[in-house]
Protein backbone atom coordinates (compact mmCIF):
# COMPACT_ATOMS: atom_id res chain seq x y z
CA MET A 1 69.75 103.06 87.81
CA ALA A 2 69.97 99.51 89.20
CA ALA A 3 66.93 100.12 91.41
CA VAL A 4 64.84 101.33 88.46
CA ALA A 5 65.86 98.38 86.27
CA ALA A 6 65.06 95.88 89.00
CA ALA A 7 61.72 97.55 89.69
CA ARG A 8 60.77 97.38 86.01
CA ALA A 9 61.76 93.72 85.83
CA VAL A 10 59.51 92.82 88.76
CA SER A 11 56.58 94.93 87.55
CA VAL A 12 56.71 93.38 84.07
CA GLY A 13 56.81 89.86 85.51
CA SER A 14 53.87 90.54 87.82
CA GLY A 15 51.81 91.95 84.96
CA LEU A 16 51.89 88.79 82.85
CA ARG A 17 48.75 86.91 83.82
CA GLY A 18 48.90 83.15 83.75
CA LEU A 19 52.67 83.08 84.27
CA GLN A 20 54.27 82.31 87.61
CA ARG A 21 56.33 85.18 88.97
CA THR A 22 59.68 84.18 90.45
CA LEU A 23 61.24 86.75 92.73
CA PRO A 24 65.02 87.20 92.60
CA LEU A 25 67.49 87.08 95.45
CA VAL A 26 69.44 90.35 95.21
CA VAL A 27 73.02 90.41 96.50
CA ILE A 28 75.03 93.63 96.80
CA LEU A 29 78.83 93.35 97.06
CA GLY A 30 81.61 95.90 97.13
CA ALA A 31 84.42 97.44 99.13
CA THR A 32 83.93 99.81 102.05
CA GLY A 33 82.67 103.21 100.96
CA THR A 34 81.10 102.11 97.66
CA GLY A 35 77.53 102.73 98.81
CA LYS A 36 76.27 99.19 99.42
CA SER A 37 73.99 100.14 102.31
CA THR A 38 72.59 103.15 100.46
CA LEU A 39 71.74 101.10 97.37
CA ALA A 40 70.22 98.33 99.50
CA LEU A 41 68.02 100.85 101.26
CA GLN A 42 66.88 102.38 97.96
CA LEU A 43 66.09 98.96 96.50
CA GLY A 44 64.34 97.83 99.66
CA GLN A 45 62.08 100.89 99.67
CA ARG A 46 61.42 100.81 95.92
CA LEU A 47 60.72 97.07 95.69
CA GLY A 48 59.24 96.47 99.11
CA GLY A 49 62.12 94.15 99.99
CA GLU A 50 63.90 93.30 103.23
CA ILE A 51 67.64 93.60 103.85
CA VAL A 52 69.81 90.75 105.17
CA SER A 53 73.23 91.84 106.42
CA ALA A 54 76.12 89.50 105.57
CA ASP A 55 78.74 91.26 107.68
CA SER A 56 80.57 89.03 110.14
CA MET A 57 81.08 91.88 112.63
CA GLN A 58 77.63 93.45 112.46
CA VAL A 59 76.06 90.31 113.94
CA TYR A 60 77.48 91.35 117.33
CA GLU A 61 75.59 93.53 119.79
CA GLY A 62 77.15 96.96 120.27
CA LEU A 63 80.22 97.95 118.20
CA ASP A 64 77.81 100.06 116.12
CA ILE A 65 80.32 102.71 115.11
CA ILE A 66 83.40 100.63 114.40
CA THR A 67 81.35 98.13 112.34
CA ASN A 68 79.45 100.97 110.60
CA LYS A 69 75.97 99.59 111.17
CA VAL A 70 73.00 101.32 109.58
CA SER A 71 71.31 103.77 111.92
CA ALA A 72 68.07 103.10 113.78
CA GLN A 73 66.36 105.59 111.47
CA GLU A 74 67.56 103.71 108.37
CA GLN A 75 66.40 100.42 109.87
CA ARG A 76 62.93 101.91 110.32
CA MET A 77 62.87 102.87 106.63
CA CYS A 78 63.33 99.23 105.58
CA GLN A 79 63.31 95.98 107.57
CA HIS A 80 66.87 94.78 108.35
CA HIS A 81 67.96 91.34 109.57
CA MET A 82 71.14 89.71 110.96
CA ILE A 83 72.29 92.78 112.89
CA SER A 84 73.10 93.00 116.63
CA PHE A 85 71.90 89.61 117.85
CA VAL A 86 75.09 87.86 119.07
CA ASP A 87 76.88 88.53 122.36
CA PRO A 88 80.43 89.77 121.50
CA LEU A 89 81.85 87.42 124.13
CA VAL A 90 80.36 84.33 122.47
CA THR A 91 83.18 82.26 120.94
CA ASN A 92 81.33 79.61 118.96
CA TYR A 93 79.31 81.67 116.46
CA THR A 94 80.39 80.36 113.07
CA VAL A 95 79.78 80.82 109.37
CA VAL A 96 77.59 77.71 109.56
CA ASP A 97 75.41 79.42 112.18
CA PHE A 98 75.16 82.45 109.91
CA ARG A 99 74.31 80.33 106.86
CA ASN A 100 71.54 78.45 108.67
CA LYS A 101 69.89 81.53 110.17
CA ALA A 102 70.18 83.67 107.03
CA THR A 103 68.84 80.88 104.79
CA ALA A 104 65.75 80.51 106.99
CA LEU A 105 65.23 84.28 106.90
CA ILE A 106 65.50 84.40 103.11
CA GLU A 107 63.00 81.57 102.74
CA ASP A 108 60.60 83.40 105.08
CA ILE A 109 60.96 86.64 103.09
CA PHE A 110 60.23 84.77 99.86
CA ALA A 111 57.22 83.09 101.50
CA ARG A 112 55.80 86.55 102.23
CA ASP A 113 56.20 87.46 98.54
CA LYS A 114 58.98 89.95 99.19
CA ILE A 115 62.48 90.34 97.76
CA PRO A 116 65.45 89.51 100.02
CA ILE A 117 68.40 91.87 99.57
CA VAL A 118 71.68 90.48 100.92
CA VAL A 119 74.36 93.10 101.63
CA GLY A 120 78.02 92.17 102.18
CA GLY A 121 80.08 92.52 104.00
CA THR A 122 82.03 89.39 104.41
CA ASN A 123 82.65 87.42 101.23
CA TYR A 124 82.94 83.98 102.81
CA TYR A 125 79.59 84.53 104.55
CA ILE A 126 78.02 85.31 101.18
CA GLU A 127 79.71 82.33 99.50
CA ALA A 128 78.40 80.02 102.23
CA LEU A 129 74.92 81.45 101.75
CA LEU A 130 74.76 81.29 97.95
CA TRP A 131 76.78 78.18 97.07
CA LYS A 132 76.93 74.69 98.49
CA VAL A 133 80.46 75.01 99.85
CA LEU A 134 80.13 73.91 103.48
CA VAL A 135 80.40 70.30 104.59
CA SER A 136 77.50 69.41 106.89
CA THR A 137 78.47 66.33 108.88
CA LYS A 138 76.58 66.64 112.16
CA PRO A 139 73.49 64.40 112.41
CA GLN A 140 70.36 66.31 113.47
CA GLU A 141 70.13 64.39 116.74
CA MET A 142 73.76 65.12 117.70
CA ASP A 143 74.34 67.67 120.45
CA THR A 144 75.84 70.84 118.95
CA GLU A 145 77.70 71.61 122.18
CA LYS A 146 79.33 68.18 122.11
CA VAL A 147 80.48 68.68 118.52
CA THR A 148 81.95 72.09 119.40
CA ASP A 149 83.71 70.64 122.45
CA ARG A 150 85.36 67.97 120.32
CA LYS A 151 86.70 70.58 117.92
CA VAL A 152 88.06 72.59 120.86
CA GLU A 153 89.73 69.45 122.22
CA LEU A 154 91.45 68.81 118.89
CA GLU A 155 92.68 72.39 118.62
CA LYS A 156 94.39 72.07 122.00
CA GLU A 157 96.65 69.31 120.68
CA ASP A 158 100.04 69.87 119.05
CA GLY A 159 99.68 71.14 115.49
CA HIS A 160 102.29 68.80 114.01
CA ALA A 161 100.73 65.78 115.74
CA LEU A 162 97.31 66.73 114.39
CA HIS A 163 98.72 67.21 110.90
CA LYS A 164 100.41 63.79 111.03
CA ARG A 165 97.10 62.14 111.96
CA LEU A 166 95.36 63.98 109.14
CA SER A 167 97.99 62.83 106.63
CA GLN A 168 97.19 59.23 107.57
CA VAL A 169 93.43 59.50 106.96
CA ASP A 170 93.29 62.30 104.36
CA PRO A 171 96.68 62.89 102.68
CA GLU A 172 95.13 65.11 100.00
CA MET A 173 93.77 67.59 102.52
CA ALA A 174 96.91 67.37 104.66
CA ALA A 175 98.98 68.43 101.64
CA LYS A 176 96.90 71.62 101.36
CA LEU A 177 97.11 72.63 105.03
CA HIS A 178 100.04 73.85 107.11
CA PRO A 179 100.58 72.18 110.51
CA HIS A 180 100.34 75.60 112.17
CA ASP A 181 96.79 76.07 110.86
CA LYS A 182 95.40 73.95 113.68
CA ARG A 183 91.83 75.15 113.27
CA LYS A 184 91.51 73.87 109.71
CA VAL A 185 93.49 70.70 110.40
CA ALA A 186 91.27 69.98 113.41
CA ARG A 187 88.14 70.57 111.32
CA SER A 188 89.27 68.10 108.65
CA LEU A 189 89.99 65.50 111.32
CA GLN A 190 86.60 66.17 112.86
CA VAL A 191 84.89 65.55 109.51
CA PHE A 192 86.57 62.14 109.26
CA GLU A 193 85.80 61.25 112.89
CA GLU A 194 82.11 62.09 112.53
CA THR A 195 81.51 60.45 109.16
CA GLY A 196 84.28 58.00 108.33
CA ILE A 197 84.66 59.90 105.03
CA SER A 198 87.64 62.14 104.31
CA HIS A 199 87.12 65.88 104.05
CA SER A 200 88.63 65.94 100.56
CA GLU A 201 86.16 63.26 99.41
CA PHE A 202 83.26 65.39 100.66
CA LEU A 203 84.55 68.32 98.63
CA HIS A 204 85.00 66.17 95.50
CA ARG A 205 81.38 65.06 95.80
CA GLN A 206 80.22 68.67 96.05
CA HIS A 207 82.21 69.71 92.99
CA SER A 208 80.81 66.83 90.93
CA GLU A 209 77.18 67.75 91.60
CA GLU A 210 75.21 69.32 88.78
CA GLY A 211 76.08 73.02 88.73
CA GLY A 212 79.21 72.48 90.81
CA GLY A 213 82.78 73.25 89.83
CA PRO A 214 86.38 73.58 91.06
CA LEU A 215 85.46 76.40 93.45
CA GLY A 216 82.55 74.67 95.14
CA GLY A 217 79.11 73.12 94.83
CA PRO A 218 76.08 74.41 92.91
CA LEU A 219 74.16 77.60 93.58
CA LYS A 220 71.36 77.22 96.12
CA PHE A 221 69.12 79.96 94.70
CA PRO A 222 68.10 79.73 91.01
CA ASN A 223 67.16 83.39 90.46
CA LEU A 224 70.15 85.36 91.63
CA CYS A 225 70.95 89.00 90.88
CA ILE A 226 74.45 90.05 92.02
CA LEU A 227 75.33 93.75 92.01
CA TRP A 228 79.07 94.30 92.50
CA LEU A 229 79.74 97.97 93.19
CA HIS A 230 82.93 99.45 91.77
CA ALA A 231 85.36 101.34 94.02
CA ASP A 232 87.14 104.13 92.14
CA GLN A 233 90.30 105.95 93.24
CA THR A 234 88.33 108.38 95.38
CA ALA A 235 87.00 105.60 97.62
CA HIS A 236 89.62 106.27 100.30
CA ILE A 237 88.71 109.95 100.35
CA LYS A 238 85.03 109.06 100.56
CA SER A 239 85.74 106.70 103.46
CA LYS A 240 87.41 109.47 105.46
CA SER A 241 84.53 111.80 104.64
CA HIS A 242 82.09 109.13 105.74
CA LEU A 243 83.94 108.76 109.03
CA HIS A 244 83.40 112.43 109.77
CA GLN A 245 79.73 112.06 108.85
CA LEU A 246 79.59 109.34 111.50
CA LYS A 247 81.18 111.75 113.95
CA LYS A 248 78.48 114.31 113.27
CA ARG A 249 75.60 111.83 113.25
CA ARG A 250 76.61 109.83 116.29
CA ARG A 251 78.47 112.58 118.16
CA LEU A 252 81.80 110.85 118.29
CA ASP A 253 84.48 112.80 120.09
CA SER A 254 87.58 113.92 118.19
CA ASP A 255 89.90 111.48 119.96
CA ALA A 256 87.76 108.50 118.91
CA VAL A 257 87.75 109.63 115.29
CA THR A 258 91.52 110.14 115.33
CA ALA A 259 92.05 106.69 116.82
CA ILE A 260 89.95 105.04 114.13
CA GLU A 261 91.62 107.04 111.34
CA ASN A 262 95.06 106.03 112.58
CA GLN A 263 93.87 102.48 113.29
CA SER A 264 95.42 102.85 116.74
CA ILE A 265 93.38 100.09 118.33
CA SER A 266 95.24 98.34 121.12
CA PRO A 267 96.88 95.04 120.06
CA ASP A 268 95.58 93.56 123.31
CA CYS A 269 92.06 94.58 122.35
CA ASP A 270 92.48 93.03 118.90
CA LYS A 271 93.79 89.83 120.46
CA GLU A 272 90.85 89.70 122.84
CA LEU A 273 88.37 90.17 120.00
CA LYS A 274 89.93 87.26 118.12
CA GLU A 275 89.80 85.09 121.21
CA LYS A 276 86.27 86.12 122.13
CA GLY A 277 84.60 85.60 118.77
CA SER A 278 85.69 87.91 115.97
CA PRO A 279 85.27 86.64 112.39
CA GLU A 280 88.96 85.73 112.16
CA GLN A 281 88.32 83.19 114.92
CA ASN A 282 85.04 82.07 113.39
CA GLU A 283 84.94 79.23 110.88
CA LYS A 284 86.22 80.57 107.59
CA GLU A 285 85.67 77.06 106.31
CA LEU A 286 85.25 77.32 102.59
CA LYS A 287 86.77 75.10 99.95
CA SER A 288 89.75 73.77 101.93
CA SER A 289 88.13 73.87 105.37
CA VAL A 290 84.52 73.87 106.41
């Protein structure tokens, strides 16, 4: 139904001679098992669009099954982006990196007169892509590696000492952050060190921009169509059914399926993922931390 409505909207717009056609940015949200990928594929084929994944785990090479990536066959049916391009052992891939790469892709898709279809995924990735909610402080000529090293240096310091320093230069932000949340405290200190302006002041300026509000800055794309798929009470059953479809399609052995169903992934493995670059370790830097 949504695909048909969107197709009609585009065809009507393109048929009005003398009027400029403005293509929408389509965003599909929803919980696991609600059919986001299926709808995106249908829309992409019907409208001639291209799909941009906004899943913080699907950016990594490998991990195809556990992150439930679309199959190679599905990717051939419609062009997909932002899947399997980051080494899982890379530790410094952040939401800012995602935002910059995905924004450039969307602009390129628009330039080719096609419709970008963003599929999430990871809500804070989508928020960073659609709204002005990240604080960009690094000058273009500044070495990215040097900036990252400074943040790593700060995170190695004692959390309470960092928090005390933050309370001296940005008491408003310090009041929102716990001393144990060293990553966010370090980021706020880094903002002040790089700019001389407090992190909280940056956020106030964003909120006061035209189109901004308490939750962040203005939208970055004027023609936005958000489709939020509803998950009914059978979603859990559908998820288990989908897992067994994966088993059949990708020839998973029974032990692997059982392990995933029981979520019996080794704590050591989970810890390593977080240390080596999982989204929990990446910069979930929206609103209170950027």
